[in-house]
Protein backbone atom coordinates (compact mmCIF):
# COMPACT_ATOMS: atom_id res chain seq x y z
CA MET A 1 -12.00 -14.99 9.86
CA GLU A 2 -13.38 -11.92 8.92
CA LYS A 3 -13.36 -9.93 5.24
CA HIS A 4 -12.59 -6.55 4.59
CA LYS A 5 -13.11 -4.63 1.36
CA VAL A 6 -9.80 -3.33 -0.32
CA TYR A 7 -9.67 0.60 -1.10
CA GLU A 8 -7.97 2.07 -4.21
CA ASN A 9 -4.31 1.88 -4.08
CA GLN A 10 -3.90 -0.12 -0.93
CA SER A 11 -1.10 -2.86 -0.59
CA TRP A 12 -0.78 -5.61 1.91
CA VAL A 13 1.21 -3.29 4.18
CA ASP A 14 -1.36 -0.61 3.91
CA LEU A 15 -4.20 -3.05 4.79
CA SER A 16 -2.09 -4.80 7.86
CA ILE A 17 -1.92 -1.01 9.13
CA GLN A 18 -5.51 -0.29 8.72
CA LEU A 19 -6.70 -3.34 10.13
CA PHE A 20 -4.23 -4.16 12.98
CA GLY A 21 -2.27 -0.77 13.40
CA ASN A 22 0.89 -2.73 12.70
CA PRO A 23 2.71 -3.29 9.43
CA ASP A 24 4.19 -6.63 10.64
CA PHE A 25 1.02 -8.87 9.60
CA ALA A 26 1.34 -7.89 5.94
CA PHE A 27 2.62 -11.18 4.90
CA ASP A 28 0.18 -12.88 6.89
CA LEU A 29 -2.41 -11.29 5.07
CA ALA A 30 -0.91 -11.82 1.69
CA PHE A 31 -0.57 -15.57 2.50
CA LEU A 32 -3.98 -16.19 4.03
CA ASN A 33 -5.35 -14.54 0.77
CA GLN A 34 -2.75 -16.81 -1.27
CA ARG A 35 -1.21 -13.96 -2.90
CA GLU A 36 2.41 -12.72 -2.74
CA LEU A 37 3.51 -9.88 -0.87
CA THR A 38 4.42 -7.91 -3.91
CA ASN A 39 1.20 -8.48 -5.65
CA SER A 40 -1.10 -5.86 -4.05
CA PRO A 41 -4.72 -6.46 -3.84
CA ARG A 42 -7.33 -5.05 -6.18
CA ALA A 43 -9.73 -2.18 -5.21
CA GLY A 44 -12.99 -3.43 -4.36
CA GLU A 45 -11.66 -7.03 -3.37
CA GLU A 46 -12.68 -8.54 -0.16
CA VAL A 47 -9.78 -9.99 1.49
CA MET A 48 -10.00 -12.18 4.38
CA TYR A 49 -8.06 -11.51 7.76
CA PRO A 50 -7.63 -13.65 11.01
CA PRO A 51 -7.90 -12.52 14.61
CA LEU A 52 -4.28 -10.83 15.40
CA PRO A 53 -3.16 -8.65 18.13
CA VAL A 54 -4.48 -4.91 17.37
CA ASN A 55 -2.68 -1.74 18.52
CA LYS A 56 -5.86 0.07 19.36
CA LEU A 57 -4.43 3.40 19.90
CA VAL A 58 -3.21 3.40 16.32
CA VAL A 59 -6.51 1.83 14.77
CA MET A 60 -8.48 4.42 16.95
CA SER A 61 -6.67 7.43 15.68
CA MET A 62 -6.84 6.56 12.08
CA ASN A 63 -10.80 5.81 12.41
CA THR A 64 -11.23 9.11 14.41
CA ASN A 65 -9.31 11.06 11.51
CA SER A 66 -11.14 8.76 8.61
CA SER A 67 -7.67 7.87 7.53
CA ILE A 68 -7.24 4.97 5.16
CA PRO A 69 -3.52 4.14 4.30
CA ALA A 70 -2.89 3.68 0.44
CA THR A 71 0.43 4.02 -0.84
CA THR A 72 0.54 2.20 -3.83
CA PHE A 73 0.08 3.61 -7.66
CA ASP A 74 -0.51 2.65 -11.14
CA LEU A 75 2.61 3.24 -13.17
CA ASN A 76 0.19 3.33 -16.20
CA ALA A 77 -1.94 6.05 -14.52
CA PRO A 78 -1.78 9.69 -16.25
CA GLY A 79 0.38 12.09 -14.96
CA VAL A 80 3.26 9.38 -13.44
CA VAL A 81 6.56 10.81 -14.46
CA GLU A 82 8.90 8.24 -16.42
CA ASP A 83 12.03 7.26 -14.43
CA PHE A 84 14.52 7.25 -17.31
CA GLY A 85 17.54 7.60 -14.91
CA ILE A 86 20.85 9.63 -14.97
CA GLY A 87 22.07 7.51 -18.13
CA GLU A 88 19.71 9.11 -20.38
CA MET A 89 19.95 12.77 -19.03
CA ALA A 90 22.15 15.22 -21.10
CA ILE A 91 24.37 17.71 -19.33
CA ALA A 92 22.83 21.39 -19.25
CA SER A 93 19.45 20.43 -20.74
CA THR A 94 18.14 17.83 -18.16
CA PHE A 95 20.70 17.20 -15.78
CA ILE A 96 22.12 20.60 -14.42
CA ILE A 97 25.22 20.91 -12.61
CA ARG A 98 25.35 23.60 -10.06
């Protein structure tokens, strides 16, 4: 078992891609770390991961380009637009029909 430090805004899917070059192991990572798949790890947290098959081409490409997948976001962060939906829109002011 090895450990990996989580970066800001990483999900289990992101970690699976970063570590194995494949999103298929996201559930395994979450389960191994006694978490739910929908409960993303926190930045700075060390997560354990098992020796699983690695897509070396994907991992090498990401390492060469210094790519770190991070696809989650904090809904409470400044600048995040509130999704109020079409039911809250008014014709011609916020919902324009062309």
